[in-house]
Amino acid sequence: MDWTLSITLTVLVRGAAPDVLADPIIKSAHALLMADRSIGGRVLDILPSEHKMDIIEGDNPVGLLQAIYNIQYRTDQESLD
């Protein structure tokens, strides 16, 4: 059976330019995740999906960046292993 597991990487930052602060963090996490798209042969593939950025304005703005990835994997019909 083929399965898809969705994961969300979340970056929370605070500062004058939250989007600028979040960029290097999410780029680093993305590079680490994409470095071995089969996770040592354990999954079929990792596919980037969507990114969402929410900024809460104020004296010290907060940014919440969410990067969604779909992990495709396969199991036997009799087992989830």
C-alpha atoms as a PDB file:
ATOM      1  CA  MET A   1       0.000   0.000   0.000  1.00  0.00           C
ATOM      2  CA  ASP A   2       1.211   3.481  -0.802  1.00  0.00           C
ATOM      3  CA  TRP A   3       0.868   6.183   1.827  1.00  0.00           C
ATOM      4  CA  THR A   4       1.504   9.899   2.136  1.00  0.00           C
ATOM      5  CA  LEU A   5       2.487  11.494   5.418  1.00  0.00           C
ATOM      6  CA  SER A   6       2.280  15.287   5.597  1.00  0.00           C
ATOM      7  CA  ILE A   7       4.654  17.048   7.968  1.00  0.00           C
ATOM      8  CA  THR A   8       4.865  20.729   8.798  1.00  0.00           C
ATOM      9  CA  LEU A   9       8.100  22.480   9.714  1.00  0.00           C
ATOM     10  CA  THR A  10       7.282  25.574  11.738  1.00  0.00           C
ATOM     11  CA  VAL A  11       9.586  28.545  12.311  1.00  0.00           C
ATOM     12  CA  LEU A  12       8.593  31.188  14.838  1.00  0.00           C
ATOM     13  CA  VAL A  13      10.612  34.412  14.896  1.00  0.00           C
ATOM     14  CA  ARG A  14      10.302  37.852  16.448  1.00  0.00           C
ATOM     15  CA  GLY A  15      11.877  41.017  15.114  1.00  0.00           C
ATOM     16  CA  ALA A  16      11.561  43.995  12.800  1.00  0.00           C
ATOM     17  CA  ALA A  17      11.572  41.838   9.632  1.00  0.00           C
ATOM     18  CA  PRO A  18      10.211  38.383  10.534  1.00  0.00           C
ATOM     19  CA  ASP A  19      10.276  37.121   6.948  1.00  0.00           C
ATOM     20  CA  VAL A  20      13.967  37.981   6.634  1.00  0.00           C
ATOM     21  CA  LEU A  21      14.725  36.323   9.988  1.00  0.00           C
ATOM     22  CA  ALA A  22      12.834  33.123   9.072  1.00  0.00           C
ATOM     23  CA  ASP A  23      14.415  32.670   5.616  1.00  0.00           C
ATOM     24  CA  PRO A  24      17.839  31.272   6.606  1.00  0.00           C
ATOM     25  CA  ILE A  25      16.252  28.933   9.162  1.00  0.00           C
ATOM     26  CA  ILE A  26      13.755  27.413   6.739  1.00  0.00           C
ATOM     27  CA  LYS A  27      16.380  27.252   3.956  1.00  0.00           C
ATOM     28  CA  SER A  28      18.687  25.284   6.250  1.00  0.00           C
ATOM     29  CA  ALA A  29      15.902  22.909   7.330  1.00  0.00           C
ATOM     30  CA  HIS A  30      14.857  22.433   3.693  1.00  0.00           C
ATOM     31  CA  ALA A  31      18.427  21.641   2.627  1.00  0.00           C
ATOM     32  CA  LEU A  32      18.779  19.053   5.404  1.00  0.00           C
ATOM     33  CA  LEU A  33      15.475  17.408   4.532  1.00  0.00           C
ATOM     34  CA  MET A  34      16.176  17.352   0.789  1.00  0.00           C
ATOM     35  CA  ALA A  35      19.768  16.090   1.158  1.00  0.00           C
ATOM     36  CA  ASP A  36      18.507  12.486   1.292  1.00  0.00           C
ATOM     37  CA  ARG A  37      15.017  12.389  -0.198  1.00  0.00           C
ATOM     38  CA  SER A  38      14.631   8.670   0.521  1.00  0.00           C
ATOM     39  CA  ILE A  39      15.840   8.969   4.149  1.00  0.00           C
ATOM     40  CA  GLY A  40      18.307   6.147   3.653  1.00  0.00           C
ATOM     41  CA  GLY A  41      15.885   4.088   1.559  1.00  0.00           C
ATOM     42  CA  ARG A  42      13.106   4.204   4.167  1.00  0.00           C
ATOM     43  CA  VAL A  43      10.681   6.244   2.036  1.00  0.00           C
ATOM     44  CA  LEU A  44       9.934   6.628  -1.666  1.00  0.00           C
ATOM     45  CA  ASP A  45      10.264  10.417  -1.814  1.00  0.00           C
ATOM     46  CA  ILE A  46       9.890  13.713   0.023  1.00  0.00           C
ATOM     47  CA  LEU A  47       7.995  16.392  -1.867  1.00  0.00           C
ATOM     48  CA  PRO A  48       7.851  20.046  -0.824  1.00  0.00           C
ATOM     49  CA  SER A  49       4.260  21.265  -0.826  1.00  0.00           C
ATOM     50  CA  GLU A  50       3.294  24.738   0.305  1.00  0.00           C
ATOM     51  CA  HIS A  51       4.759  27.493   2.457  1.00  0.00           C
ATOM     52  CA  LYS A  52       2.674  29.905   4.515  1.00  0.00           C
ATOM     53  CA  MET A  53       3.916  33.036   6.268  1.00  0.00           C
ATOM     54  CA  ASP A  54       1.822  34.830   8.861  1.00  0.00           C
ATOM     55  CA  ILE A  55       3.051  38.081  10.377  1.00  0.00           C
ATOM     56  CA  ILE A  56       1.515  39.615  13.481  1.00  0.00           C
ATOM     57  CA  GLU A  57       2.313  43.314  13.416  1.00  0.00           C
ATOM     58  CA  GLY A  58       3.211  45.246  16.551  1.00  0.00           C
ATOM     59  CA  ASP A  59       6.128  46.923  18.317  1.00  0.00           C
ATOM     60  CA  ASN A  60       8.095  43.702  17.904  1.00  0.00           C
ATOM     61  CA  PRO A  61       6.446  41.771  15.011  1.00  0.00           C
ATOM     62  CA  VAL A  62       6.116  37.999  15.164  1.00  0.00           C
ATOM     63  CA  GLY A  63       6.448  35.767  12.126  1.00  0.00           C
ATOM     64  CA  LEU A  64       5.179  32.220  11.794  1.00  0.00           C
ATOM     65  CA  LEU A  65       6.447  30.348   8.735  1.00  0.00           C
ATOM     66  CA  GLN A  66       5.077  26.894   7.967  1.00  0.00           C
ATOM     67  CA  ALA A  67       6.611  24.663   5.312  1.00  0.00           C
ATOM     68  CA  ILE A  68       4.603  21.565   4.430  1.00  0.00           C
ATOM     69  CA  TYR A  69       6.219  18.438   3.007  1.00  0.00           C
ATOM     70  CA  ASN A  70       4.601  15.224   1.772  1.00  0.00           C
ATOM     71  CA  ILE A  71       6.509  12.026   2.481  1.00  0.00           C
ATOM     72  CA  GLN A  72       5.559   9.099   0.253  1.00  0.00           C
ATOM     73  CA  TYR A  73       6.171   5.590   1.529  1.00  0.00           C
ATOM     74  CA  ARG A  74       4.996   2.019   0.987  1.00  0.00           C
ATOM     75  CA  THR A  75       4.006  -0.791   3.353  1.00  0.00           C
ATOM     76  CA  ASP A  76       2.779  -4.368   2.982  1.00  0.00           C
ATOM     77  CA  GLN A  77      -0.985  -4.815   3.013  1.00  0.00           C
ATOM     78  CA  GLU A  78      -0.710  -7.113   6.020  1.00  0.00           C
ATOM     79  CA  SER A  79       1.532  -4.819   8.060  1.00  0.00           C
ATOM     80  CA  LEU A  80       2.266  -1.140   8.567  1.00  0.00           C
ATOM     81  CA  ASP A  81       6.018  -1.894   8.824  1.00  0.00           C
END
